[in-house]
Amino acid sequence: MCSTDQRPVAAIIVDHKTAPKLKDAKDSGDAARIKAAWKLFWDPNNWQSLCKFCHDSTKQRMEKSGRVIGCTADGLPLDPNHHWNRP
């Protein structure tokens, strides 16, 4: 997410690709939901390394808005739910 061939960036944060939403699970009190959230939290396949800037800005903005930010080299939005990407 951070690095490109032209601009390598050192990653210092382990980020979850899919947010486990552990707080929401704990607040619900549902044991199955809490177990699933912990499983997602500790799943190494759900981890990615990010620089602090991308983690604290771009990634959190994406999680809060529910949209993928950015576009391809052709100018098409990366978000699969964008109206330009719908059939």
Protein backbone atom coordinates (compact mmCIF):
# COMPACT_ATOMS: atom_id res chain seq x y z
CA MET A 1 0.00 0.00 0.00
CA CYS A 2 2.83 2.40 0.84
CA SER A 3 5.78 1.37 -1.27
CA THR A 4 6.22 1.59 -5.00
CA ASP A 5 9.18 0.71 -7.18
CA GLN A 6 9.96 4.42 -7.46
CA ARG A 7 9.42 5.21 -3.76
CA PRO A 8 10.23 2.48 -1.25
CA VAL A 9 8.91 3.15 2.24
CA ALA A 10 9.88 1.39 5.45
CA ALA A 11 6.95 -0.35 7.05
CA ILE A 12 6.83 -0.17 10.84
CA ILE A 13 3.22 -1.11 11.69
CA VAL A 14 1.40 -4.42 11.40
CA ASP A 15 -2.05 -3.61 10.08
CA HIS A 16 -5.11 -5.84 9.68
CA LYS A 17 -6.33 -6.07 6.07
CA THR A 18 -9.81 -6.72 7.41
CA ALA A 19 -10.52 -4.96 10.68
CA PRO A 20 -11.37 -7.54 13.37
CA LYS A 21 -13.64 -5.04 15.18
CA LEU A 22 -12.77 -6.62 18.50
CA LYS A 23 -14.27 -3.79 20.56
CA ASP A 24 -17.63 -4.14 18.80
CA ALA A 25 -17.54 -7.91 19.37
CA LYS A 26 -16.74 -7.50 23.06
CA ASP A 27 -19.46 -4.86 23.47
CA SER A 28 -22.00 -7.25 21.92
CA GLY A 29 -21.27 -9.92 24.55
CA ASP A 30 -21.72 -12.64 21.90
CA ALA A 31 -19.12 -15.35 22.63
CA ALA A 32 -19.05 -16.62 19.03
CA ARG A 33 -18.53 -13.10 17.67
CA ILE A 34 -15.74 -12.42 20.17
CA LYS A 35 -14.03 -15.70 19.26
CA ALA A 36 -14.25 -14.88 15.52
CA ALA A 37 -12.84 -11.38 16.12
CA TRP A 38 -9.88 -12.76 18.08
CA LYS A 39 -9.26 -15.37 15.37
CA LEU A 40 -9.21 -12.63 12.71
CA PHE A 41 -6.99 -10.46 14.93
CA TRP A 42 -4.29 -13.14 15.22
CA ASP A 43 -4.54 -14.53 11.66
CA PRO A 44 -1.18 -13.81 9.92
CA ASN A 45 -2.94 -13.97 6.54
CA ASN A 46 -4.90 -10.91 7.65
CA TRP A 47 -1.76 -8.88 8.39
CA GLN A 48 0.00 -6.38 6.18
CA SER A 49 2.86 -4.04 6.92
CA LEU A 50 2.31 -0.30 6.53
CA CYS A 51 4.19 2.87 7.23
CA LYS A 52 2.80 4.97 10.07
CA PHE A 53 1.50 7.69 7.73
CA CYS A 54 -0.57 5.30 5.59
CA HIS A 55 -1.86 3.43 8.65
CA ASP A 56 -2.91 6.58 10.48
CA SER A 57 -4.42 8.40 7.50
CA THR A 58 -5.22 6.52 4.29
CA LYS A 59 -6.13 3.15 5.83
CA GLN A 60 -8.29 4.59 8.59
CA ARG A 61 -10.09 6.87 6.15
CA MET A 62 -10.83 3.83 3.97
CA GLU A 63 -12.14 1.84 6.93
CA LYS A 64 -14.38 4.65 8.14
CA SER A 65 -15.80 5.50 4.70
CA GLY A 66 -16.08 1.91 3.48
CA ARG A 67 -14.51 2.88 0.13
CA VAL A 68 -11.21 2.02 -1.51
CA ILE A 69 -9.29 5.19 -2.27
CA GLY A 70 -7.28 5.75 -5.43
CA CYS A 71 -7.37 4.87 -9.09
CA THR A 72 -5.57 2.73 -11.65
CA ALA A 73 -3.06 4.04 -14.18
CA ASP A 74 -6.02 4.24 -16.61
CA GLY A 75 -7.87 6.55 -14.22
CA LEU A 76 -10.52 4.03 -13.15
CA PRO A 77 -11.41 3.97 -9.44
CA LEU A 78 -9.91 1.11 -7.40
CA ASP A 79 -13.13 0.76 -5.40
CA PRO A 80 -15.06 -2.20 -6.87
CA ASN A 81 -18.32 -0.64 -5.65
CA HIS A 82 -17.75 2.63 -7.52
CA HIS A 83 -20.47 3.21 -10.11
CA TRP A 84 -17.91 3.24 -12.93
CA ASN A 85 -16.92 -0.35 -12.04
CA ARG A 86 -20.46 -1.74 -12.02
CA PRO A 87 -21.72 -3.68 -15.05
